[in-house]
C-alpha atoms as a PDB file:
ATOM      1  CA  MET A   1       3.781 -24.339  -6.193  1.00  0.00           C
ATOM      2  CA  ILE A   2       1.552 -21.908  -4.279  1.00  0.00           C
ATOM      3  CA  GLU A   3      -1.755 -23.016  -2.844  1.00  0.00           C
ATOM      4  CA  LEU A   4      -4.095 -20.089  -2.495  1.00  0.00           C
ATOM      5  CA  LYS A   5      -6.152 -19.680   0.618  1.00  0.00           C
ATOM      6  CA  GLU A   6      -9.279 -17.654   1.178  1.00  0.00           C
ATOM      7  CA  GLN A   7      -9.885 -15.337   4.137  1.00  0.00           C
ATOM      8  CA  LYS A   8     -13.370 -15.371   5.646  1.00  0.00           C
ATOM      9  CA  ASN A   9     -13.097 -12.917   8.512  1.00  0.00           C
ATOM     10  CA  ASN A  10     -15.491 -10.354   7.020  1.00  0.00           C
ATOM     11  CA  LEU A  11     -17.364  -9.610   3.823  1.00  0.00           C
ATOM     12  CA  PHE A  12     -14.714  -7.271   2.418  1.00  0.00           C
ATOM     13  CA  GLU A  13     -11.988  -9.915   2.763  1.00  0.00           C
ATOM     14  CA  ARG A  14     -14.215 -12.526   1.119  1.00  0.00           C
ATOM     15  CA  LEU A  15     -14.593 -10.427  -2.009  1.00  0.00           C
ATOM     16  CA  ASP A  16     -12.657 -11.452  -5.107  1.00  0.00           C
ATOM     17  CA  SER A  17      -9.124 -10.054  -4.887  1.00  0.00           C
ATOM     18  CA  ARG A  18      -8.982  -9.180  -8.591  1.00  0.00           C
ATOM     19  CA  VAL A  19     -12.122  -7.061  -8.375  1.00  0.00           C
ATOM     20  CA  LYS A  20     -10.868  -5.331  -5.224  1.00  0.00           C
ATOM     21  CA  LEU A  21      -7.531  -4.522  -6.798  1.00  0.00           C
ATOM     22  CA  ILE A  22      -9.056  -3.107  -9.987  1.00  0.00           C
ATOM     23  CA  SER A  23     -11.629  -1.037  -8.092  1.00  0.00           C
ATOM     24  CA  ALA A  24      -8.938   0.352  -5.767  1.00  0.00           C
ATOM     25  CA  VAL A  25      -6.745   1.392  -8.706  1.00  0.00           C
ATOM     26  CA  VAL A  26      -9.677   3.062 -10.497  1.00  0.00           C
ATOM     27  CA  TYR A  27     -10.649   4.793  -7.234  1.00  0.00           C
ATOM     28  CA  VAL A  28      -7.120   6.188  -6.891  1.00  0.00           C
ATOM     29  CA  VAL A  29      -7.005   7.348 -10.518  1.00  0.00           C
ATOM     30  CA  ILE A  30     -10.272   9.269 -10.149  1.00  0.00           C
ATOM     31  CA  VAL A  31      -9.399  10.715  -6.744  1.00  0.00           C
ATOM     32  CA  THR A  32      -6.086  12.113  -7.985  1.00  0.00           C
ATOM     33  CA  THR A  33      -7.972  14.182 -10.572  1.00  0.00           C
ATOM     34  CA  ILE A  34     -10.281  15.875  -8.044  1.00  0.00           C
ATOM     35  CA  ASN A  35      -9.179  19.418  -7.171  1.00  0.00           C
ATOM     36  CA  THR A  36     -11.707  20.297  -4.448  1.00  0.00           C
ATOM     37  CA  TRP A  37     -10.677  19.497  -0.903  1.00  0.00           C
ATOM     38  CA  ASP A  38     -14.204  19.067   0.496  1.00  0.00           C
ATOM     39  CA  TYR A  39     -15.045  16.556  -2.245  1.00  0.00           C
ATOM     40  CA  LEU A  40     -11.892  14.642  -1.386  1.00  0.00           C
ATOM     41  CA  ALA A  41     -12.798  14.633   2.304  1.00  0.00           C
ATOM     42  CA  ALA A  42     -16.256  13.318   1.421  1.00  0.00           C
ATOM     43  CA  CYS A  43     -14.689  10.552  -0.717  1.00  0.00           C
ATOM     44  CA  PHE A  44     -12.534   9.464   2.196  1.00  0.00           C
ATOM     45  CA  LEU A  45     -15.387   9.511   4.724  1.00  0.00           C
ATOM     46  CA  LEU A  46     -17.780   7.622   2.449  1.00  0.00           C
ATOM     47  CA  TYR A  47     -15.107   4.997   1.750  1.00  0.00           C
ATOM     48  CA  LEU A  48     -14.654   4.606   5.501  1.00  0.00           C
ATOM     49  CA  LEU A  49     -18.401   4.189   5.905  1.00  0.00           C
ATOM     50  CA  LEU A  50     -18.437   1.502   3.214  1.00  0.00           C
ATOM     51  CA  LEU A  51     -15.663  -0.423   4.958  1.00  0.00           C
ATOM     52  CA  PHE A  52     -17.456  -0.188   8.312  1.00  0.00           C
ATOM     53  CA  SER A  53     -20.637  -1.540   6.729  1.00  0.00           C
ATOM     54  CA  LEU A  54     -18.697  -4.516   5.307  1.00  0.00           C
ATOM     55  CA  GLY A  55     -17.147  -5.334   8.671  1.00  0.00           C
ATOM     56  CA  PHE A  56     -13.560  -4.483   7.735  1.00  0.00           C
ATOM     57  CA  PRO A  57     -11.231  -3.720  10.718  1.00  0.00           C
ATOM     58  CA  VAL A  58     -10.649  -0.080   9.833  1.00  0.00           C
ATOM     59  CA  LEU A  59      -8.694   0.829  12.976  1.00  0.00           C
ATOM     60  CA  LYS A  60      -6.185  -1.955  12.344  1.00  0.00           C
ATOM     61  CA  SER A  61      -5.717  -0.708   8.799  1.00  0.00           C
ATOM     62  CA  VAL A  62      -5.236   2.888   9.962  1.00  0.00           C
ATOM     63  CA  ARG A  63      -2.292   1.868  12.143  1.00  0.00           C
ATOM     64  CA  ARG A  64      -0.502   0.487   9.074  1.00  0.00           C
ATOM     65  CA  ILE A  65      -0.549   3.785   7.184  1.00  0.00           C
ATOM     66  CA  VAL A  66       0.660   6.117   9.936  1.00  0.00           C
ATOM     67  CA  TRP A  67       4.116   6.653   8.429  1.00  0.00           C
ATOM     68  CA  PRO A  68       3.043   7.124   4.793  1.00  0.00           C
ATOM     69  CA  VAL A  69       0.347   9.583   5.877  1.00  0.00           C
ATOM     70  CA  LEU A  70       2.872  11.399   8.068  1.00  0.00           C
ATOM     71  CA  VAL A  71       5.192  11.812   5.072  1.00  0.00           C
ATOM     72  CA  ALA A  72       2.273  13.104   2.984  1.00  0.00           C
ATOM     73  CA  GLY A  73       1.422  15.563   5.750  1.00  0.00           C
ATOM     74  CA  ILE A  74       4.992  16.871   5.891  1.00  0.00           C
ATOM     75  CA  MET A  75       5.054  17.355   2.120  1.00  0.00           C
ATOM     76  CA  SER A  76       1.706  19.150   2.231  1.00  0.00           C
ATOM     77  CA  ALA A  77       2.971  21.407   4.998  1.00  0.00           C
ATOM     78  CA  ALA A  78       6.055  22.156   2.911  1.00  0.00           C
ATOM     79  CA  VAL A  79       3.848  23.248  -0.002  1.00  0.00           C
ATOM     80  CA  ILE A  80       2.074  25.698   2.297  1.00  0.00           C
ATOM     81  CA  PHE A  81       5.212  26.877   4.113  1.00  0.00           C
ATOM     82  CA  PHE A  82       7.273  27.711   1.034  1.00  0.00           C
ATOM     83  CA  ASN A  83       4.341  29.574  -0.519  1.00  0.00           C
ATOM     84  CA  PHE A  84       2.848  31.151   2.594  1.00  0.00           C
ATOM     85  CA  ASN A  85       2.334  34.503   0.870  1.00  0.00           C
ATOM     86  CA  GLU A  86      -0.209  33.004  -1.509  1.00  0.00           C
ATOM     87  CA  ASN A  87      -3.635  32.294  -0.029  1.00  0.00           C
ATOM     88  CA  GLN A  88      -4.385  29.603  -2.595  1.00  0.00           C
ATOM     89  CA  GLU A  89      -1.525  27.437  -1.335  1.00  0.00           C
ATOM     90  CA  TYR A  90      -3.512  26.492   1.784  1.00  0.00           C
ATOM     91  CA  GLY A  91      -6.128  24.891  -0.417  1.00  0.00           C
ATOM     92  CA  ARG A  92      -3.503  23.231  -2.614  1.00  0.00           C
ATOM     93  CA  GLY A  93      -1.803  21.757   0.425  1.00  0.00           C
ATOM     94  CA  ALA A  94      -5.093  20.359   1.704  1.00  0.00           C
ATOM     95  CA  VAL A  95      -5.898  18.887  -1.717  1.00  0.00           C
ATOM     96  CA  PHE A  96      -2.465  17.270  -1.957  1.00  0.00           C
ATOM     97  CA  PHE A  97      -2.776  15.737   1.511  1.00  0.00           C
ATOM     98  CA  LEU A  98      -6.316  14.432   0.995  1.00  0.00           C
ATOM     99  CA  ARG A  99      -5.403  12.939  -2.373  1.00  0.00           C
ATOM    100  CA  ALA A 100      -2.505  11.080  -0.784  1.00  0.00           C
ATOM    101  CA  LEU A 101      -4.661  10.008   2.167  1.00  0.00           C
ATOM    102  CA  CYS A 102      -7.404   8.577  -0.055  1.00  0.00           C
ATOM    103  CA  ALA A 103      -4.922   6.796  -2.327  1.00  0.00           C
ATOM    104  CA  ILE A 104      -2.845   5.321   0.489  1.00  0.00           C
ATOM    105  CA  PHE A 105      -5.875   4.181   2.452  1.00  0.00           C
ATOM    106  CA  ALA A 106      -7.671   2.620  -0.525  1.00  0.00           C
ATOM    107  CA  LEU A 107      -4.651   0.673  -1.739  1.00  0.00           C
ATOM    108  CA  ASN A 108      -3.706  -0.379   1.780  1.00  0.00           C
ATOM    109  CA  THR A 109      -7.156  -1.740   2.591  1.00  0.00           C
ATOM    110  CA  ALA A 110      -7.352  -3.598  -0.721  1.00  0.00           C
ATOM    111  CA  VAL A 111      -3.922  -5.205  -0.406  1.00  0.00           C
ATOM    112  CA  SER A 112      -4.094  -5.908   3.343  1.00  0.00           C
ATOM    113  CA  SER A 113      -7.383  -7.793   2.869  1.00  0.00           C
ATOM    114  CA  MET A 114      -5.605 -10.321   0.618  1.00  0.00           C
ATOM    115  CA  THR A 115      -3.110 -13.050   1.309  1.00  0.00           C
ATOM    116  CA  LEU A 116       0.186 -12.889  -0.536  1.00  0.00           C
ATOM    117  CA  GLN A 117      -1.037 -15.688  -2.796  1.00  0.00           C
ATOM    118  CA  ASP A 118      -4.218 -13.769  -3.620  1.00  0.00           C
ATOM    119  CA  LEU A 119      -2.200 -10.684  -4.528  1.00  0.00           C
ATOM    120  CA  LEU A 120       0.164 -12.579  -6.808  1.00  0.00           C
ATOM    121  CA  PHE A 121      -2.692 -14.418  -8.492  1.00  0.00           C
ATOM    122  CA  SER A 122      -4.553 -11.147  -9.065  1.00  0.00           C
ATOM    123  CA  LEU A 123      -1.510  -9.517 -10.628  1.00  0.00           C
ATOM    124  CA  ARG A 124      -0.954 -12.511 -12.873  1.00  0.00           C
ATOM    125  CA  SER A 125      -4.639 -12.574 -13.876  1.00  0.00           C
ATOM    126  CA  LEU A 126      -4.438  -8.887 -14.805  1.00  0.00           C
ATOM    127  CA  ARG A 127      -1.581  -9.678 -17.203  1.00  0.00           C
ATOM    128  CA  VAL A 128       1.103  -7.948 -15.139  1.00  0.00           C
ATOM    129  CA  PRO A 129       4.552  -9.039 -16.456  1.00  0.00           C
ATOM    130  CA  GLY A 130       5.825 -12.125 -14.684  1.00  0.00           C
ATOM    131  CA  ILE A 131       9.071 -10.493 -13.590  1.00  0.00           C
ATOM    132  CA  LEU A 132       7.125  -7.794 -11.713  1.00  0.00           C
ATOM    133  CA  VAL A 133       4.893 -10.413 -10.080  1.00  0.00           C
ATOM    134  CA  ASN A 134       7.969 -12.325  -8.902  1.00  0.00           C
ATOM    135  CA  LEU A 135       9.580  -9.117  -7.665  1.00  0.00           C
ATOM    136  CA  VAL A 136       6.521  -8.189  -5.595  1.00  0.00           C
ATOM    137  CA  GLY A 137       6.238 -11.702  -4.174  1.00  0.00           C
ATOM    138  CA  PHE A 138       9.890 -12.035  -3.200  1.00  0.00           C
ATOM    139  CA  THR A 139      10.037  -8.515  -1.761  1.00  0.00           C
ATOM    140  CA  ILE A 140       7.093  -9.127   0.549  1.00  0.00           C
ATOM    141  CA  ARG A 141       8.071 -12.676   1.443  1.00  0.00           C
ATOM    142  CA  TYR A 142      11.716 -11.988   2.300  1.00  0.00           C
ATOM    143  CA  ALA A 143      11.291  -8.600   3.953  1.00  0.00           C
ATOM    144  CA  ASP A 144      10.868 -10.395   7.289  1.00  0.00           C
ATOM    145  CA  ILE A 145      14.178 -12.205   6.739  1.00  0.00           C
ATOM    146  CA  LEU A 146      16.029  -8.908   6.355  1.00  0.00           C
ATOM    147  CA  ASN A 147      14.183  -7.509   9.365  1.00  0.00           C
ATOM    148  CA  GLY A 148      15.303 -10.497  11.418  1.00  0.00           C
ATOM    149  CA  GLU A 149      18.873 -10.056  10.193  1.00  0.00           C
ATOM    150  CA  LEU A 150      18.817  -6.401  11.247  1.00  0.00           C
ATOM    151  CA  SER A 151      17.424  -7.333  14.672  1.00  0.00           C
ATOM    152  CA  ARG A 152      20.255  -9.817  15.257  1.00  0.00           C
ATOM    153  CA  MET A 153      22.819  -7.196  14.223  1.00  0.00           C
ATOM    154  CA  MET A 154      21.365  -4.705  16.693  1.00  0.00           C
ATOM    155  CA  ILE A 155      21.395  -7.285  19.495  1.00  0.00           C
ATOM    156  CA  ALA A 156      25.028  -8.144  18.732  1.00  0.00           C
ATOM    157  CA  ARG A 157      25.874  -4.454  18.696  1.00  0.00           C
ATOM    158  CA  LYS A 158      24.360  -3.911  22.129  1.00  0.00           C
ATOM    159  CA  ALA A 159      26.118  -7.029  23.457  1.00  0.00           C
ATOM    160  CA  ARG A 160      29.432  -5.372  22.554  1.00  0.00           C
ATOM    161  CA  GLY A 161      28.570  -2.354  24.696  1.00  0.00           C
ATOM    162  CA  TYR A 162      27.371   0.081  22.034  1.00  0.00           C
ATOM    163  CA  THR A 163      25.338   3.036  23.253  1.00  0.00           C
ATOM    164  CA  GLY A 164      23.849   5.518  20.819  1.00  0.00           C
ATOM    165  CA  GLY A 165      24.175   9.264  20.969  1.00  0.00           C
ATOM    166  CA  LYS A 166      21.514  11.673  22.139  1.00  0.00           C
ATOM    167  CA  ASN A 167      20.106  12.019  18.629  1.00  0.00           C
ATOM    168  CA  PHE A 168      20.522  10.702  15.102  1.00  0.00           C
ATOM    169  CA  TRP A 169      22.836  13.546  14.102  1.00  0.00           C
ATOM    170  CA  HIS A 170      25.439  12.527  16.673  1.00  0.00           C
ATOM    171  CA  MET A 171      28.668  11.754  14.792  1.00  0.00           C
ATOM    172  CA  ASN A 172      29.199   8.300  16.303  1.00  0.00           C
ATOM    173  CA  THR A 173      25.535   7.374  15.799  1.00  0.00           C
ATOM    174  CA  MET A 174      25.628   8.368  12.137  1.00  0.00           C
ATOM    175  CA  LYS A 175      28.857   6.420  11.619  1.00  0.00           C
ATOM    176  CA  VAL A 176      27.498   3.230  13.193  1.00  0.00           C
ATOM    177  CA  THR A 177      24.192   3.585  11.312  1.00  0.00           C
ATOM    178  CA  GLY A 178      26.047   3.851   8.010  1.00  0.00           C
ATOM    179  CA  GLN A 179      28.151   0.794   8.832  1.00  0.00           C
ATOM    180  CA  THR A 180      25.010  -1.132   9.776  1.00  0.00           C
ATOM    181  CA  VAL A 181      23.314  -0.312   6.489  1.00  0.00           C
ATOM    182  CA  ALA A 182      26.413  -1.332   4.519  1.00  0.00           C
ATOM    183  CA  VAL A 183      26.780  -4.655   6.357  1.00  0.00           C
ATOM    184  CA  LEU A 184      23.054  -5.364   5.980  1.00  0.00           C
ATOM    185  CA  PHE A 185      23.346  -4.724   2.236  1.00  0.00           C
ATOM    186  CA  LEU A 186      26.242  -7.185   1.933  1.00  0.00           C
ATOM    187  CA  ARG A 187      24.457  -9.810   3.998  1.00  0.00           C
ATOM    188  CA  SER A 188      21.286  -9.403   1.946  1.00  0.00           C
ATOM    189  CA  ILE A 189      23.272 -10.089  -1.239  1.00  0.00           C
ATOM    190  CA  GLU A 190      24.801 -13.223   0.272  1.00  0.00           C
ATOM    191  CA  ARG A 191      21.417 -14.384   1.572  1.00  0.00           C
ATOM    192  CA  SER A 192      19.740 -13.789  -1.793  1.00  0.00           C
ATOM    193  CA  GLU A 193      22.360 -15.948  -3.538  1.00  0.00           C
ATOM    194  CA  ARG A 194      21.831 -18.784  -1.070  1.00  0.00           C
ATOM    195  CA  VAL A 195      18.041 -18.520  -1.369  1.00  0.00           C
ATOM    196  CA  TYR A 196      18.207 -18.505  -5.162  1.00  0.00           C
ATOM    197  CA  SER A 197      20.467 -21.574  -5.191  1.00  0.00           C
ATOM    198  CA  ALA A 198      18.062 -23.363  -2.861  1.00  0.00           C
ATOM    199  CA  MET A 199      15.123 -22.482  -5.102  1.00  0.00           C
ATOM    200  CA  LEU A 200      16.926 -23.768  -8.201  1.00  0.00           C
ATOM    201  CA  SER A 201      17.685 -27.041  -6.439  1.00  0.00           C
ATOM    202  CA  ARG A 202      13.953 -27.412  -5.764  1.00  0.00           C
ATOM    203  CA  GLY A 203      13.017 -26.956  -9.414  1.00  0.00           C
ATOM    204  CA  TYR A 204      12.304 -23.227  -9.609  1.00  0.00           C
ATOM    205  CA  ASP A 205      12.322 -22.047 -13.239  1.00  0.00           C
ATOM    206  CA  GLY A 206      11.109 -18.458 -12.844  1.00  0.00           C
ATOM    207  CA  GLU A 207       7.408 -19.349 -13.027  1.00  0.00           C
ATOM    208  CA  ILE A 208       4.961 -19.201 -10.120  1.00  0.00           C
ATOM    209  CA  ARG A 209       2.352 -21.927 -10.410  1.00  0.00           C
ATOM    210  CA  PHE A 210      -0.990 -21.818  -8.607  1.00  0.00           C
ATOM    211  CA  VAL A 211      -2.730 -24.972  -7.433  1.00  0.00           C
ATOM    212  CA  GLN A 212      -6.205 -23.555  -7.023  1.00  0.00           C
ATOM    213  CA  PHE A 213      -8.126 -20.344  -6.528  1.00  0.00           C
ATOM    214  CA  SER A 214     -11.433 -19.223  -5.103  1.00  0.00           C
ATOM    215  CA  LYS A 215     -14.702 -19.028  -7.018  1.00  0.00           C
ATOM    216  CA  LYS A 216     -15.255 -16.594  -9.846  1.00  0.00           C
ATOM    217  CA  PRO A 217     -16.404 -13.040  -9.035  1.00  0.00           C
ATOM    218  CA  GLY A 218     -20.057 -12.858  -8.053  1.00  0.00           C
ATOM    219  CA  ILE A 219     -22.717 -10.185  -7.949  1.00  0.00           C
ATOM    220  CA  GLU A 220     -21.661  -8.940  -4.506  1.00  0.00           C
ATOM    221  CA  ASP A 221     -18.091  -8.426  -5.733  1.00  0.00           C
ATOM    222  CA  PHE A 222     -19.227  -6.208  -8.593  1.00  0.00           C
ATOM    223  CA  LEU A 223     -21.706  -4.322  -6.389  1.00  0.00           C
ATOM    224  CA  VAL A 224     -19.017  -3.371  -3.884  1.00  0.00           C
ATOM    225  CA  ALA A 225     -16.606  -2.450  -6.685  1.00  0.00           C
ATOM    226  CA  ALA A 226     -19.285  -0.277  -8.282  1.00  0.00           C
ATOM    227  CA  ALA A 227     -19.887   1.463  -4.944  1.00  0.00           C
ATOM    228  CA  VAL A 228     -16.161   2.115  -4.485  1.00  0.00           C
ATOM    229  CA  ILE A 229     -15.819   3.625  -7.962  1.00  0.00           C
ATOM    230  CA  ALA A 230     -19.144   5.482  -7.968  1.00  0.00           C
ATOM    231  CA  VAL A 231     -18.261   7.659  -4.945  1.00  0.00           C
ATOM    232  CA  PRO A 232     -15.272   9.551  -6.410  1.00  0.00           C
ATOM    233  CA  LEU A 233     -16.794   9.442  -9.893  1.00  0.00           C
ATOM    234  CA  ALA A 234     -19.925  11.239  -8.678  1.00  0.00           C
ATOM    235  CA  PHE A 235     -17.862  13.979  -7.039  1.00  0.00           C
ATOM    236  CA  LYS A 236     -15.689  14.327 -10.140  1.00  0.00           C
ATOM    237  CA  ILE A 237     -18.803  14.729 -12.297  1.00  0.00           C
ATOM    238  CA  ALA A 238     -20.088  17.354  -9.887  1.00  0.00           C
ATOM    239  CA  GLU A 239     -16.746  19.156  -9.922  1.00  0.00           C
ATOM    240  CA  VAL A 240     -16.596  19.512 -13.706  1.00  0.00           C
ATOM    241  CA  GLY A 241     -20.171  20.773 -13.712  1.00  0.00           C
ATOM    242  CA  ALA A 242     -21.682  17.971 -15.758  1.00  0.00           C
ATOM    243  CA  VAL A 243     -24.907  18.193 -13.754  1.00  0.00           C
ATOM    244  CA  SER A 244     -25.415  21.800 -14.833  1.00  0.00           C
ATOM    245  CA  TRP A 245     -24.994  20.748 -18.439  1.00  0.00           C
ATOM    246  CA  ILE A 246     -27.750  18.189 -18.133  1.00  0.00           C
ATOM    247  CA  THR A 247     -30.259  20.166 -16.071  1.00  0.00           C
ATOM    248  CA  PRO A 248     -31.532  23.493 -17.482  1.00  0.00           C
END
């Protein structure tokens, strides 16, 4: 049984998690269809402004997406580098990076403003298959267990006098890293079997049951969701030239 709790740190976190999740997904879908880099930059900046106005800790959220954004930046640079003779590739690289930045930031802020229970309840309410809901819940919940297992392995390794090479490509470092990954994989399998047996002994039957949930979505939830969706939608309409079709 999971008892859902409600965060009340700021207005954005108090919004209904289902509405936030749907609006974030729609925002990402629209943003990934925009092909103009300045429109994408405006979408990102206006979304930031909305979060600031709702009191969301934007700087804390930015620190969580450093690595995904770094990967997106490397891929964008690769697009430009391997096509450096074509002037249009600079714009394509910028569009690719800004699309990834908007999508990563929107989904991260939506999910990080929820508790795990809120996220699972939202997925279940949106008719996501139960097996996927369970997979998401167990992955998030037991990631810390694997992280702790890896930390203990590294401490034991240092206690036995291990010293790494100068870089990752050092032969001994690569060998030990591969052995560590293999042992962690085996231990994770053993741990998962023990956890599953413990869950069965406590009556787990594959169904997550919720004790209670917060109030139904209100007017402020739909207003914020409309603002989130309206920003990229307006730029997409402007990009396809719909305004010129309407006005003579």
